[in-house]
Amino acid sequence: MTVPHPEPTPPWPTPLPDPEPGPIPGPGPGPGPDPVPPRPGPGPDPQPPSPGPDPRPPQPGPDPDLPDPVPQPPGPEPVPGPPQPEPAG
């Protein structure tokens, strides 16, 4: 009766079977937080500056050293025009 010989083993290591593929990595993190909103502008223009004092010099009054001005005589009497017809009504 013969004893079966075991299968001869090679002297080199046998390659390991291919590992099961792992999960596919995702697309990564999102775009991140929203950017900072723009700051509001300065708003409406303030009140315009006041023009300040009048640059014109004050008008001189009557000179107290001069005599009073001579009154001028009145002009001629107005001449009445031709009579106007009354409007029909």
PDB file of N, CA and C in Angstrom:
ATOM      1  N   MET A   1       0.851  -1.147   0.000  1.00  0.00           N
ATOM      2  CA  MET A   1       0.000   0.000   0.000  1.00  0.00           C
ATOM      3  C   MET A   1       0.898   1.211   0.000  1.00  0.00           C
ATOM      4  N   THR A   2       0.546   2.139  -0.856  1.00  0.00           N
ATOM      5  CA  THR A   2       1.400   3.311  -0.994  1.00  0.00           C
ATOM      6  C   THR A   2       0.790   4.472  -0.241  1.00  0.00           C
ATOM      7  N   VAL A   3       1.652   5.225   0.360  1.00  0.00           N
ATOM      8  CA  VAL A   3       1.192   6.413   1.102  1.00  0.00           C
ATOM      9  C   VAL A   3       1.188   7.568   0.104  1.00  0.00           C
ATOM     10  N   PRO A   4       0.083   8.302   0.008  1.00  0.00           N
ATOM     11  CA  PRO A   4       0.072   9.423  -0.941  1.00  0.00           C
ATOM     12  C   PRO A   4       1.029  10.499  -0.485  1.00  0.00           C
ATOM     13  N   HIS A   5       1.779  10.989  -1.421  1.00  0.00           N
ATOM     14  CA  HIS A   5       2.709  12.071  -1.105  1.00  0.00           C
ATOM     15  C   HIS A   5       1.955  13.404  -1.104  1.00  0.00           C
ATOM     16  N   PRO A   6       2.296  14.232  -0.162  1.00  0.00           N
ATOM     17  CA  PRO A   6       1.630  15.557  -0.191  1.00  0.00           C
ATOM     18  C   PRO A   6       2.080  16.335  -1.418  1.00  0.00           C
ATOM     19  N   GLU A   7       1.255  17.301  -1.783  1.00  0.00           N
ATOM     20  CA  GLU A   7       1.559  18.149  -2.937  1.00  0.00           C
ATOM     21  C   GLU A   7       2.834  18.915  -2.635  1.00  0.00           C
ATOM     22  N   PRO A   8       3.776  18.909  -3.547  1.00  0.00           N
ATOM     23  CA  PRO A   8       5.007  19.639  -3.235  1.00  0.00           C
ATOM     24  C   PRO A   8       4.749  21.138  -3.152  1.00  0.00           C
ATOM     25  N   THR A   9       5.308  21.789  -2.159  1.00  0.00           N
ATOM     26  CA  THR A   9       5.141  23.240  -1.994  1.00  0.00           C
ATOM     27  C   THR A   9       6.314  23.936  -2.654  1.00  0.00           C
ATOM     28  N   PRO A  10       6.051  24.988  -3.372  1.00  0.00           N
ATOM     29  CA  PRO A  10       7.149  25.691  -4.018  1.00  0.00           C
ATOM     30  C   PRO A  10       7.997  26.423  -2.995  1.00  0.00           C
ATOM     31  N   PRO A  11       9.257  26.668  -3.300  1.00  0.00           N
ATOM     32  CA  PRO A  11      10.102  27.377  -2.343  1.00  0.00           C
ATOM     33  C   PRO A  11       9.813  28.879  -2.286  1.00  0.00           C
ATOM     34  N   TRP A  12       9.100  29.390  -3.253  1.00  0.00           N
ATOM     35  CA  TRP A  12       8.790  30.835  -3.243  1.00  0.00           C
ATOM     36  C   TRP A  12       7.422  31.063  -2.617  1.00  0.00           C
ATOM     37  N   PRO A  13       7.185  32.280  -2.079  1.00  0.00           N
ATOM     38  CA  PRO A  13       5.866  32.511  -1.455  1.00  0.00           C
ATOM     39  C   PRO A  13       4.792  32.640  -2.527  1.00  0.00           C
ATOM     40  N   THR A  14       3.669  32.153  -2.220  1.00  0.00           N
ATOM     41  CA  THR A  14       2.560  32.255  -3.166  1.00  0.00           C
ATOM     42  C   THR A  14       2.004  33.679  -3.107  1.00  0.00           C
ATOM     43  N   PRO A  15       1.634  34.242  -4.243  1.00  0.00           N
ATOM     44  CA  PRO A  15       1.084  35.616  -4.204  1.00  0.00           C
ATOM     45  C   PRO A  15      -0.261  35.629  -3.498  1.00  0.00           C
ATOM     46  N   LEU A  16      -0.466  36.684  -2.753  1.00  0.00           N
ATOM     47  CA  LEU A  16      -1.743  36.836  -2.052  1.00  0.00           C
ATOM     48  C   LEU A  16      -2.817  37.185  -3.072  1.00  0.00           C
ATOM     49  N   PRO A  17      -4.027  36.789  -2.818  1.00  0.00           N
ATOM     50  CA  PRO A  17      -5.092  37.169  -3.759  1.00  0.00           C
ATOM     51  C   PRO A  17      -5.324  38.689  -3.706  1.00  0.00           C
ATOM     52  N   ASP A  18      -5.834  39.218  -4.822  1.00  0.00           N
ATOM     53  CA  ASP A  18      -6.107  40.670  -4.867  1.00  0.00           C
ATOM     54  C   ASP A  18      -7.089  41.033  -3.763  1.00  0.00           C
ATOM     55  N   PRO A  19      -6.766  42.068  -3.018  1.00  0.00           N
ATOM     56  CA  PRO A  19      -7.701  42.446  -1.949  1.00  0.00           C
ATOM     57  C   PRO A  19      -8.981  43.013  -2.541  1.00  0.00           C
ATOM     58  N   GLU A  20     -10.011  42.943  -1.744  1.00  0.00           N
ATOM     59  CA  GLU A  20     -11.287  43.518  -2.184  1.00  0.00           C
ATOM     60  C   GLU A  20     -11.107  45.031  -2.296  1.00  0.00           C
ATOM     61  N   PRO A  21     -11.612  45.624  -3.362  1.00  0.00           N
ATOM     62  CA  PRO A  21     -11.452  47.087  -3.455  1.00  0.00           C
ATOM     63  C   PRO A  21     -12.229  47.777  -2.345  1.00  0.00           C
ATOM     64  N   GLY A  22     -11.618  48.813  -1.786  1.00  0.00           N
ATOM     65  CA  GLY A  22     -12.262  49.551  -0.707  1.00  0.00           C
ATOM     66  C   GLY A  22     -13.269  50.552  -1.255  1.00  0.00           C
ATOM     67  N   PRO A  23     -13.861  51.305  -0.363  1.00  0.00           N
ATOM     68  CA  PRO A  23     -14.839  52.298  -0.828  1.00  0.00           C
ATOM     69  C   PRO A  23     -14.135  53.389  -1.642  1.00  0.00           C
ATOM     70  N   ILE A  24     -14.818  53.872  -2.659  1.00  0.00           N
ATOM     71  CA  ILE A  24     -14.259  54.951  -3.490  1.00  0.00           C
ATOM     72  C   ILE A  24     -14.334  56.243  -2.682  1.00  0.00           C
ATOM     73  N   PRO A  25     -13.231  56.974  -2.606  1.00  0.00           N
ATOM     74  CA  PRO A  25     -13.289  58.218  -1.827  1.00  0.00           C
ATOM     75  C   PRO A  25     -14.254  59.216  -2.459  1.00  0.00           C
ATOM     76  N   GLY A  26     -14.857  60.009  -1.620  1.00  0.00           N
ATOM     77  CA  GLY A  26     -15.824  61.000  -2.097  1.00  0.00           C
ATOM     78  C   GLY A  26     -15.138  62.190  -2.773  1.00  0.00           C
ATOM     79  N   PRO A  27     -15.928  63.165  -3.206  1.00  0.00           N
ATOM     80  CA  PRO A  27     -15.333  64.311  -3.902  1.00  0.00           C
ATOM     81  C   PRO A  27     -14.568  65.246  -2.976  1.00  0.00           C
ATOM     82  N   GLY A  28     -14.632  65.053  -1.709  1.00  0.00           N
ATOM     83  CA  GLY A  28     -13.891  65.918  -0.797  1.00  0.00           C
ATOM     84  C   GLY A  28     -14.811  66.935  -0.140  1.00  0.00           C
ATOM     85  N   PRO A  29     -14.232  67.863   0.595  1.00  0.00           N
ATOM     86  CA  PRO A  29     -15.069  68.836   1.299  1.00  0.00           C
ATOM     87  C   PRO A  29     -15.777  69.761   0.318  1.00  0.00           C
ATOM     88  N   GLY A  30     -16.813  70.382   0.794  1.00  0.00           N
ATOM     89  CA  GLY A  30     -17.593  71.300  -0.037  1.00  0.00           C
ATOM     90  C   GLY A  30     -16.843  72.601  -0.295  1.00  0.00           C
ATOM     91  N   PRO A  31     -17.549  73.576  -0.890  1.00  0.00           N
ATOM     92  CA  PRO A  31     -16.875  74.835  -1.226  1.00  0.00           C
ATOM     93  C   PRO A  31     -16.540  75.692  -0.014  1.00  0.00           C
ATOM     94  N   GLY A  32     -17.026  75.360   1.136  1.00  0.00           N
ATOM     95  CA  GLY A  32     -16.702  76.148   2.326  1.00  0.00           C
ATOM     96  C   GLY A  32     -17.816  77.131   2.654  1.00  0.00           C
ATOM     97  N   PRO A  33     -17.610  77.928   3.688  1.00  0.00           N
ATOM     98  CA  PRO A  33     -18.668  78.863   4.090  1.00  0.00           C
ATOM     99  C   PRO A  33     -18.839  79.967   3.056  1.00  0.00           C
ATOM    100  N   ASP A  34     -19.981  80.612   3.130  1.00  0.00           N
ATOM    101  CA  ASP A  34     -20.250  81.724   2.217  1.00  0.00           C
ATOM    102  C   ASP A  34     -19.226  82.830   2.452  1.00  0.00           C
ATOM    103  N   PRO A  35     -18.843  83.533   1.390  1.00  0.00           N
ATOM    104  CA  PRO A  35     -17.904  84.640   1.602  1.00  0.00           C
ATOM    105  C   PRO A  35     -18.561  85.751   2.410  1.00  0.00           C
ATOM    106  N   VAL A  36     -17.754  86.613   2.938  1.00  0.00           N
ATOM    107  CA  VAL A  36     -18.262  87.718   3.756  1.00  0.00           C
ATOM    108  C   VAL A  36     -19.075  88.644   2.851  1.00  0.00           C
ATOM    109  N   PRO A  37     -20.309  88.998   3.236  1.00  0.00           N
ATOM    110  CA  PRO A  37     -21.088  89.888   2.368  1.00  0.00           C
ATOM    111  C   PRO A  37     -20.424  91.258   2.282  1.00  0.00           C
ATOM    112  N   PRO A  38     -20.631  91.970   1.179  1.00  0.00           N
ATOM    113  CA  PRO A  38     -19.998  93.284   1.060  1.00  0.00           C
ATOM    114  C   PRO A  38     -20.543  94.244   2.104  1.00  0.00           C
ATOM    115  N   ARG A  39     -19.692  95.121   2.552  1.00  0.00           N
ATOM    116  CA  ARG A  39     -20.118  96.094   3.554  1.00  0.00           C
ATOM    117  C   ARG A  39     -20.964  97.164   2.888  1.00  0.00           C
ATOM    118  N   PRO A  40     -21.937  97.718   3.602  1.00  0.00           N
ATOM    119  CA  PRO A  40     -22.755  98.769   2.986  1.00  0.00           C
ATOM    120  C   PRO A  40     -21.918 100.003   2.710  1.00  0.00           C
ATOM    121  N   GLY A  41     -22.368 100.767   1.744  1.00  0.00           N
ATOM    122  CA  GLY A  41     -21.646 101.980   1.356  1.00  0.00           C
ATOM    123  C   GLY A  41     -21.787 103.078   2.396  1.00  0.00           C
ATOM    124  N   PRO A  42     -21.259 104.254   2.113  1.00  0.00           N
ATOM    125  CA  PRO A  42     -21.312 105.342   3.097  1.00  0.00           C
ATOM    126  C   PRO A  42     -22.701 105.923   3.266  1.00  0.00           C
ATOM    127  N   GLY A  43     -23.652 105.578   2.383  1.00  0.00           N
ATOM    128  CA  GLY A  43     -24.996 106.095   2.522  1.00  0.00           C
ATOM    129  C   GLY A  43     -25.170 107.390   1.744  1.00  0.00           C
ATOM    130  N   PRO A  44     -26.309 108.050   1.920  1.00  0.00           N
ATOM    131  CA  PRO A  44     -26.543 109.283   1.165  1.00  0.00           C
ATOM    132  C   PRO A  44     -25.578 110.376   1.589  1.00  0.00           C
ATOM    133  N   ASP A  45     -25.408 111.322   0.695  1.00  0.00           N
ATOM    134  CA  ASP A  45     -24.512 112.438   0.999  1.00  0.00           C
ATOM    135  C   ASP A  45     -25.060 113.238   2.177  1.00  0.00           C
ATOM    136  N   PRO A  46     -24.189 113.715   3.041  1.00  0.00           N
ATOM    137  CA  PRO A  46     -24.669 114.552   4.149  1.00  0.00           C
ATOM    138  C   PRO A  46     -25.187 115.885   3.621  1.00  0.00           C
ATOM    139  N   GLN A  47     -25.712 116.667   4.525  1.00  0.00           N
ATOM    140  CA  GLN A  47     -26.212 117.987   4.139  1.00  0.00           C
ATOM    141  C   GLN A  47     -25.081 118.784   3.496  1.00  0.00           C
ATOM    142  N   PRO A  48     -25.386 119.507   2.410  1.00  0.00           N
ATOM    143  CA  PRO A  48     -24.307 120.300   1.804  1.00  0.00           C
ATOM    144  C   PRO A  48     -23.841 121.379   2.771  1.00  0.00           C
ATOM    145  N   PRO A  49     -22.601 121.753   2.702  1.00  0.00           N
ATOM    146  CA  PRO A  49     -22.124 122.779   3.632  1.00  0.00           C
ATOM    147  C   PRO A  49     -22.821 124.105   3.375  1.00  0.00           C
ATOM    148  N   SER A  50     -23.021 124.842   4.452  1.00  0.00           N
ATOM    149  CA  SER A  50     -23.676 126.141   4.296  1.00  0.00           C
ATOM    150  C   SER A  50     -22.743 127.083   3.538  1.00  0.00           C
ATOM    151  N   PRO A  51     -23.319 128.006   2.754  1.00  0.00           N
ATOM    152  CA  PRO A  51     -22.455 128.876   1.948  1.00  0.00           C
ATOM    153  C   PRO A  51     -21.603 129.824   2.779  1.00  0.00           C
ATOM    154  N   GLY A  52     -21.944 130.015   4.027  1.00  0.00           N
ATOM    155  CA  GLY A  52     -21.132 130.902   4.857  1.00  0.00           C
ATOM    156  C   GLY A  52     -21.598 132.352   4.737  1.00  0.00           C
ATOM    157  N   PRO A  53     -20.823 133.256   5.263  1.00  0.00           N
ATOM    158  CA  PRO A  53     -21.247 134.664   5.221  1.00  0.00           C
ATOM    159  C   PRO A  53     -21.235 135.190   3.788  1.00  0.00           C
ATOM    160  N   ASP A  54     -22.019 136.240   3.577  1.00  0.00           N
ATOM    161  CA  ASP A  54     -22.110 136.860   2.251  1.00  0.00           C
ATOM    162  C   ASP A  54     -20.771 137.524   1.934  1.00  0.00           C
ATOM    163  N   PRO A  55     -20.151 137.137   0.797  1.00  0.00           N
ATOM    164  CA  PRO A  55     -18.841 137.747   0.518  1.00  0.00           C
ATOM    165  C   PRO A  55     -18.930 139.205   0.091  1.00  0.00           C
ATOM    166  N   ARG A  56     -20.146 139.698  -0.236  1.00  0.00           N
ATOM    167  CA  ARG A  56     -20.262 141.100  -0.679  1.00  0.00           C
ATOM    168  C   ARG A  56     -20.120 142.034   0.522  1.00  0.00           C
ATOM    169  N   PRO A  57     -19.446 143.134   0.334  1.00  0.00           N
ATOM    170  CA  PRO A  57     -19.345 144.083   1.462  1.00  0.00           C
ATOM    171  C   PRO A  57     -20.703 144.734   1.708  1.00  0.00           C
ATOM    172  N   PRO A  58     -20.960 145.150   2.925  1.00  0.00           N
ATOM    173  CA  PRO A  58     -22.248 145.806   3.190  1.00  0.00           C
ATOM    174  C   PRO A  58     -22.351 147.118   2.410  1.00  0.00           C
ATOM    175  N   GLN A  59     -23.577 147.434   2.000  1.00  0.00           N
ATOM    176  CA  GLN A  59     -23.793 148.687   1.264  1.00  0.00           C
ATOM    177  C   GLN A  59     -23.693 149.853   2.246  1.00  0.00           C
ATOM    178  N   PRO A  60     -22.949 150.875   1.853  1.00  0.00           N
ATOM    179  CA  PRO A  60     -22.822 152.002   2.792  1.00  0.00           C
ATOM    180  C   PRO A  60     -24.135 152.762   2.901  1.00  0.00           C
ATOM    181  N   GLY A  61     -24.425 153.203   4.078  1.00  0.00           N
ATOM    182  CA  GLY A  61     -25.625 153.997   4.300  1.00  0.00           C
ATOM    183  C   GLY A  61     -25.369 155.462   3.923  1.00  0.00           C
ATOM    184  N   PRO A  62     -26.339 156.318   4.186  1.00  0.00           N
ATOM    185  CA  PRO A  62     -26.130 157.752   3.871  1.00  0.00           C
ATOM    186  C   PRO A  62     -25.019 158.322   4.741  1.00  0.00           C
ATOM    187  N   ASP A  63     -24.231 159.144   4.112  1.00  0.00           N
ATOM    188  CA  ASP A  63     -23.119 159.764   4.841  1.00  0.00           C
ATOM    189  C   ASP A  63     -23.693 160.844   5.749  1.00  0.00           C
ATOM    190  N   PRO A  64     -23.469 160.744   7.056  1.00  0.00           N
ATOM    191  CA  PRO A  64     -24.073 161.775   7.935  1.00  0.00           C
ATOM    192  C   PRO A  64     -23.469 163.157   7.721  1.00  0.00           C
ATOM    193  N   ASP A  65     -22.295 163.265   7.088  1.00  0.00           N
ATOM    194  CA  ASP A  65     -21.700 164.583   6.884  1.00  0.00           C
ATOM    195  C   ASP A  65     -22.315 165.316   5.697  1.00  0.00           C
ATOM    196  N   LEU A  66     -23.012 164.624   4.790  1.00  0.00           N
ATOM    197  CA  LEU A  66     -23.609 165.271   3.621  1.00  0.00           C
ATOM    198  C   LEU A  66     -24.994 165.787   3.980  1.00  0.00           C
ATOM    199  N   PRO A  67     -25.437 166.868   3.304  1.00  0.00           N
ATOM    200  CA  PRO A  67     -26.808 167.354   3.573  1.00  0.00           C
ATOM    201  C   PRO A  67     -27.816 166.366   3.003  1.00  0.00           C
ATOM    202  N   ASP A  68     -29.047 166.510   3.457  1.00  0.00           N
ATOM    203  CA  ASP A  68     -30.111 165.636   2.972  1.00  0.00           C
ATOM    204  C   ASP A  68     -30.270 165.818   1.467  1.00  0.00           C
ATOM    205  N   PRO A  69     -30.584 164.763   0.742  1.00  0.00           N
ATOM    206  CA  PRO A  69     -30.763 164.921  -0.701  1.00  0.00           C
ATOM    207  C   PRO A  69     -31.956 165.817  -1.006  1.00  0.00           C
ATOM    208  N   VAL A  70     -31.828 166.556  -2.089  1.00  0.00           N
ATOM    209  CA  VAL A  70     -32.892 167.493  -2.478  1.00  0.00           C
ATOM    210  C   VAL A  70     -34.051 166.673  -3.029  1.00  0.00           C
ATOM    211  N   PRO A  71     -35.277 166.888  -2.520  1.00  0.00           N
ATOM    212  CA  PRO A  71     -36.403 166.123  -3.053  1.00  0.00           C
ATOM    213  C   PRO A  71     -36.664 166.489  -4.511  1.00  0.00           C
ATOM    214  N   GLN A  72     -36.949 165.495  -5.321  1.00  0.00           N
ATOM    215  CA  GLN A  72     -37.225 165.718  -6.740  1.00  0.00           C
ATOM    216  C   GLN A  72     -38.705 166.044  -6.915  1.00  0.00           C
ATOM    217  N   PRO A  73     -39.013 166.957  -7.843  1.00  0.00           N
ATOM    218  CA  PRO A  73     -40.436 167.258  -8.076  1.00  0.00           C
ATOM    219  C   PRO A  73     -41.114 166.044  -8.720  1.00  0.00           C
ATOM    220  N   PRO A  74     -42.406 165.896  -8.496  1.00  0.00           N
ATOM    221  CA  PRO A  74     -43.106 164.760  -9.086  1.00  0.00           C
ATOM    222  C   PRO A  74     -43.159 164.886 -10.605  1.00  0.00           C
ATOM    223  N   GLY A  75     -43.310 163.769 -11.283  1.00  0.00           N
ATOM    224  CA  GLY A  75     -43.372 163.763 -12.736  1.00  0.00           C
ATOM    225  C   GLY A  75     -44.697 164.304 -13.241  1.00  0.00           C
ATOM    226  N   PRO A  76     -44.850 164.389 -14.575  1.00  0.00           N
ATOM    227  CA  PRO A  76     -46.106 164.922 -15.130  1.00  0.00           C
ATOM    228  C   PRO A  76     -47.259 163.962 -14.855  1.00  0.00           C
ATOM    229  N   GLU A  77     -48.470 164.542 -14.888  1.00  0.00           N
ATOM    230  CA  GLU A  77     -49.667 163.737 -14.652  1.00  0.00           C
ATOM    231  C   GLU A  77     -49.847 162.767 -15.821  1.00  0.00           C
ATOM    232  N   PRO A  78     -50.287 161.548 -15.553  1.00  0.00           N
ATOM    233  CA  PRO A  78     -50.522 160.627 -16.665  1.00  0.00           C
ATOM    234  C   PRO A  78     -51.715 161.071 -17.508  1.00  0.00           C
ATOM    235  N   VAL A  79     -51.584 160.937 -18.816  1.00  0.00           N
ATOM    236  CA  VAL A  79     -52.648 161.351 -19.738  1.00  0.00           C
ATOM    237  C   VAL A  79     -53.561 160.149 -19.951  1.00  0.00           C
ATOM    238  N   PRO A  80     -54.884 160.319 -19.732  1.00  0.00           N
ATOM    239  CA  PRO A  80     -55.769 159.175 -19.941  1.00  0.00           C
ATOM    240  C   PRO A  80     -55.875 158.842 -21.427  1.00  0.00           C
ATOM    241  N   GLY A  81     -55.958 157.556 -21.751  1.00  0.00           N
ATOM    242  CA  GLY A  81     -56.084 157.121 -23.133  1.00  0.00           C
ATOM    243  C   GLY A  81     -57.529 157.160 -23.587  1.00  0.00           C
ATOM    244  N   PRO A  82     -57.783 156.722 -24.830  1.00  0.00           N
ATOM    245  CA  PRO A  82     -59.179 156.713 -25.313  1.00  0.00           C
ATOM    246  C   PRO A  82     -60.001 155.716 -24.506  1.00  0.00           C
ATOM    247  N   PRO A  83     -61.299 155.955 -24.397  1.00  0.00           N
ATOM    248  CA  PRO A  83     -62.136 155.038 -23.608  1.00  0.00           C
ATOM    249  C   PRO A  83     -62.175 153.657 -24.264  1.00  0.00           C
ATOM    250  N   GLN A  84     -62.151 152.647 -23.424  1.00  0.00           N
ATOM    251  CA  GLN A  84     -62.188 151.265 -23.898  1.00  0.00           C
ATOM    252  C   GLN A  84     -63.643 150.818 -24.011  1.00  0.00           C
ATOM    253  N   PRO A  85     -63.987 150.080 -25.095  1.00  0.00           N
ATOM    254  CA  PRO A  85     -65.375 149.579 -25.165  1.00  0.00           C
ATOM    255  C   PRO A  85     -65.588 148.504 -24.104  1.00  0.00           C
ATOM    256  N   GLU A  86     -66.811 148.483 -23.584  1.00  0.00           N
ATOM    257  CA  GLU A  86     -67.114 147.496 -22.551  1.00  0.00           C
ATOM    258  C   GLU A  86     -67.247 146.115 -23.193  1.00  0.00           C
ATOM    259  N   PRO A  87     -66.729 145.091 -22.544  1.00  0.00           N
ATOM    260  CA  PRO A  87     -66.864 143.743 -23.134  1.00  0.00           C
ATOM    261  C   PRO A  87     -68.317 143.289 -23.126  1.00  0.00           C
ATOM    262  N   ALA A  88     -68.728 142.645 -24.221  1.00  0.00           N
ATOM    263  CA  ALA A  88     -70.115 142.162 -24.304  1.00  0.00           C
ATOM    264  C   ALA A  88     -70.266 140.959 -23.387  1.00  0.00           C
ATOM    265  N   GLY A  89     -71.280 140.952 -22.621  1.00  0.00           N
ATOM    266  CA  GLY A  89     -71.426 139.840 -21.711  1.00  0.00           C
ATOM    267  C   GLY A  89     -72.815 139.635 -21.430  1.00  0.00           C
TER     268      GLY A  89
END
